[in-house]
Amino acid sequence: MKKIGIVDTTFARYDMAGSAIDELYAYGTGFVVERYTVPGIKDIPVACKILFEDYQCDLVMAFGMPGPMPVDKMSAQIASTGIMEVQLQEKMHIIEVFVHEDEAKNDAELAWLCDRRAREHALNAYNLLFDRDRLTRNAGMGLRQGFEDKGPATEGGSGSHKH
């Protein structure tokens, strides 16, 4: 049985972890979820490390919502760098799912974006653990989590190199 760690924050204005957990259990089986909630995004890296080392998670999803101010952007970059460092130390994936408050025009769009990005990244997490070939089949397709996909830059994308 695989373990998927979920880190989220009390600072966020939407329960993205709840959306992701719902999507994971709707999509597949063979795993359990360990959820760890921290106050803010700069607390996320250590929570990820704890989930790997103390809870033996096979993959972690890290949810955060930086605010719109310059200090929030700086905090997001610091958290992201810490998350990257933990990934490299552990040689394990951390799916970083940040939604910046200023990505949306209003609260309704923000809630929609948070839910959709969380659910789409939950599928990525599941596929990293159980069906990496699905990700490979989508290489070069310009897929986005949240807003609409961009599509491939050229007709067929990377499809001409499929094996």
Protein backbone atom coordinates (compact mmCIF):
# COMPACT_ATOMS: atom_id res chain seq x y z
CA MET A 1 0.00 0.00 0.00
CA LYS A 2 1.43 3.37 -1.07
CA LYS A 3 1.26 6.49 1.13
CA ILE A 4 0.53 9.92 -0.27
CA GLY A 5 1.43 12.78 2.02
CA ILE A 6 -0.62 15.95 1.88
CA VAL A 7 0.65 19.24 3.32
CA ASP A 8 -1.59 22.29 3.47
CA THR A 9 -1.78 25.55 5.39
CA THR A 10 -4.18 27.50 7.55
CA PHE A 11 -3.13 30.65 5.63
CA ALA A 12 -4.81 29.42 2.42
CA ARG A 13 -8.32 30.66 1.71
CA TYR A 14 -9.50 27.37 0.15
CA ASP A 15 -9.18 23.73 1.23
CA MET A 16 -7.19 22.50 -1.76
CA ALA A 17 -6.04 19.41 0.16
CA GLY A 18 -9.67 18.40 0.63
CA SER A 19 -10.27 18.66 -3.12
CA ALA A 20 -7.16 16.62 -3.88
CA ILE A 21 -8.02 13.91 -1.38
CA ASP A 22 -11.54 13.68 -2.79
CA GLU A 23 -10.15 13.36 -6.33
CA LEU A 24 -7.55 10.77 -5.35
CA TYR A 25 -10.12 8.47 -3.75
CA ALA A 26 -12.51 8.94 -6.68
CA TYR A 27 -9.77 8.08 -9.19
CA GLY A 28 -8.08 5.01 -7.78
CA THR A 29 -7.04 2.75 -4.95
CA GLY A 30 -3.90 1.20 -3.50
CA PHE A 31 -2.93 4.11 -1.26
CA VAL A 32 -3.65 5.86 2.01
CA VAL A 33 -3.37 9.58 2.71
CA GLU A 34 -1.43 11.22 5.54
CA ARG A 35 -2.47 14.87 5.98
CA TYR A 36 -0.28 17.40 7.79
CA THR A 37 -1.50 21.01 8.15
CA VAL A 38 0.89 23.87 8.99
CA PRO A 39 0.35 27.62 9.55
CA GLY A 40 2.00 29.00 6.39
CA ILE A 41 3.92 28.19 3.23
CA LYS A 42 7.38 28.54 4.77
CA ASP A 43 6.41 25.67 7.12
CA ILE A 44 5.71 23.33 4.19
CA PRO A 45 9.24 22.02 3.48
CA VAL A 46 9.78 20.60 6.98
CA ALA A 47 6.29 19.07 6.95
CA CYS A 48 7.19 17.33 3.67
CA LYS A 49 10.39 16.00 5.21
CA ILE A 50 8.46 14.72 8.24
CA LEU A 51 5.96 12.97 5.97
CA PHE A 52 8.78 11.21 4.13
CA GLU A 53 10.90 10.30 7.12
CA ASP A 54 8.41 9.74 9.95
CA TYR A 55 5.36 8.56 7.98
CA GLN A 56 7.20 6.80 5.11
CA CYS A 57 5.19 8.54 2.40
CA ASP A 58 5.97 7.60 -1.20
CA LEU A 59 5.05 11.03 -2.60
CA VAL A 60 3.91 14.33 -1.09
CA MET A 61 1.59 17.00 -2.41
CA ALA A 62 2.27 20.49 -1.01
CA PHE A 63 -0.60 23.00 -1.12
CA GLY A 64 -0.10 26.71 -0.55
CA MET A 65 -1.73 30.02 -1.32
CA PRO A 66 0.64 32.96 -1.40
CA GLY A 67 -1.01 36.34 -1.02
CA PRO A 68 -0.69 39.19 -3.54
CA MET A 69 1.91 41.33 -1.76
CA PRO A 70 5.65 41.35 -2.62
CA VAL A 71 6.47 39.77 0.77
CA ASP A 72 4.05 36.93 -0.09
CA LYS A 73 5.81 36.35 -3.43
CA MET A 74 9.14 36.22 -1.61
CA SER A 75 7.76 33.75 0.95
CA ALA A 76 6.46 31.58 -1.90
CA GLN A 77 9.89 31.52 -3.54
CA ILE A 78 11.56 30.62 -0.23
CA ALA A 79 9.04 27.82 0.33
CA SER A 80 9.45 26.55 -3.22
CA THR A 81 13.23 26.46 -2.83
CA GLY A 82 12.85 24.54 0.43
CA ILE A 83 10.47 22.08 -1.23
CA MET A 84 12.98 21.52 -4.02
CA GLU A 85 15.73 20.90 -1.48
CA VAL A 86 13.63 18.27 0.32
CA GLN A 87 12.88 16.54 -3.00
CA LEU A 88 16.56 16.30 -3.78
CA GLN A 89 17.51 15.12 -0.27
CA GLU A 90 14.81 12.45 -0.23
CA LYS A 91 14.94 11.55 -3.94
CA MET A 92 11.12 11.60 -3.81
CA HIS A 93 8.52 13.67 -5.64
CA ILE A 94 6.78 16.61 -4.05
CA ILE A 95 4.00 17.97 -6.22
CA GLU A 96 3.94 21.68 -5.42
CA VAL A 97 0.42 23.05 -5.81
CA PHE A 98 0.48 26.78 -5.20
CA VAL A 99 -2.34 29.11 -6.21
CA HIS A 100 -1.38 32.76 -5.91
CA GLU A 101 -4.28 34.87 -4.69
CA ASP A 102 -3.80 37.34 -7.54
CA GLU A 103 -4.15 34.67 -10.25
CA ALA A 104 -7.94 35.11 -10.07
CA LYS A 105 -10.19 38.07 -10.76
CA ASN A 106 -12.45 37.45 -7.74
CA ASP A 107 -13.17 34.99 -4.94
CA ALA A 108 -15.44 32.81 -7.07
CA GLU A 109 -12.74 32.35 -9.72
CA LEU A 110 -10.15 31.80 -6.98
CA ALA A 111 -12.22 28.98 -5.47
CA TRP A 112 -12.76 27.42 -8.91
CA LEU A 113 -9.03 27.63 -9.70
CA CYS A 114 -7.99 26.15 -6.36
CA ASP A 115 -10.36 23.22 -6.73
CA ARG A 116 -9.42 22.49 -10.33
CA ARG A 117 -5.66 22.83 -9.85
CA ALA A 118 -5.77 20.61 -6.75
CA ARG A 119 -7.80 17.93 -8.53
CA GLU A 120 -5.65 17.94 -11.67
CA HIS A 121 -2.44 17.72 -9.65
CA ALA A 122 -3.97 14.88 -7.61
CA LEU A 123 -4.25 12.92 -10.86
CA ASN A 124 -0.61 13.74 -11.63
CA ALA A 125 0.41 12.47 -8.19
CA TYR A 126 -1.58 9.26 -8.64
CA ASN A 127 -0.07 8.70 -12.08
CA LEU A 128 3.47 9.31 -10.81
CA LEU A 129 2.94 6.48 -8.33
CA PHE A 130 0.82 4.05 -10.35
CA ASP A 131 0.88 4.88 -14.10
CA ARG A 132 3.91 6.92 -15.18
CA ASP A 133 3.29 5.86 -18.79
CA ARG A 134 0.15 8.02 -18.78
CA LEU A 135 2.33 11.05 -18.07
CA THR A 136 4.75 10.05 -20.82
CA ARG A 137 1.90 9.78 -23.32
CA ASN A 138 1.01 13.39 -22.50
CA ALA A 139 4.55 14.76 -22.84
CA GLY A 140 4.68 17.88 -25.00
CA MET A 141 0.91 18.37 -24.95
CA GLY A 142 0.93 21.72 -23.14
CA LEU A 143 -1.25 20.49 -20.29
CA ARG A 144 -1.91 22.99 -17.51
CA GLN A 145 -3.34 22.48 -14.04
CA GLY A 146 -6.07 24.98 -13.37
CA PHE A 147 -6.69 27.22 -16.34
CA GLU A 148 -7.14 25.82 -19.86
CA ASP A 149 -4.45 23.68 -21.48
CA LYS A 150 -2.17 25.40 -24.02
CA GLY A 151 -1.81 22.42 -26.36
CA PRO A 152 1.29 21.47 -28.32
CA ALA A 153 3.33 24.18 -30.09
CA THR A 154 3.33 22.17 -33.30
CA GLU A 155 0.70 19.88 -34.74
CA GLY A 156 1.01 16.49 -33.11
CA GLY A 157 3.22 17.77 -30.28
CA SER A 158 5.69 15.11 -29.23
CA GLY A 159 3.49 12.40 -30.76
CA SER A 160 5.83 11.85 -33.70
CA HIS A 161 8.40 10.36 -31.30
CA LYS A 162 6.13 7.88 -29.53
CA HIS A 163 7.38 4.34 -29.09
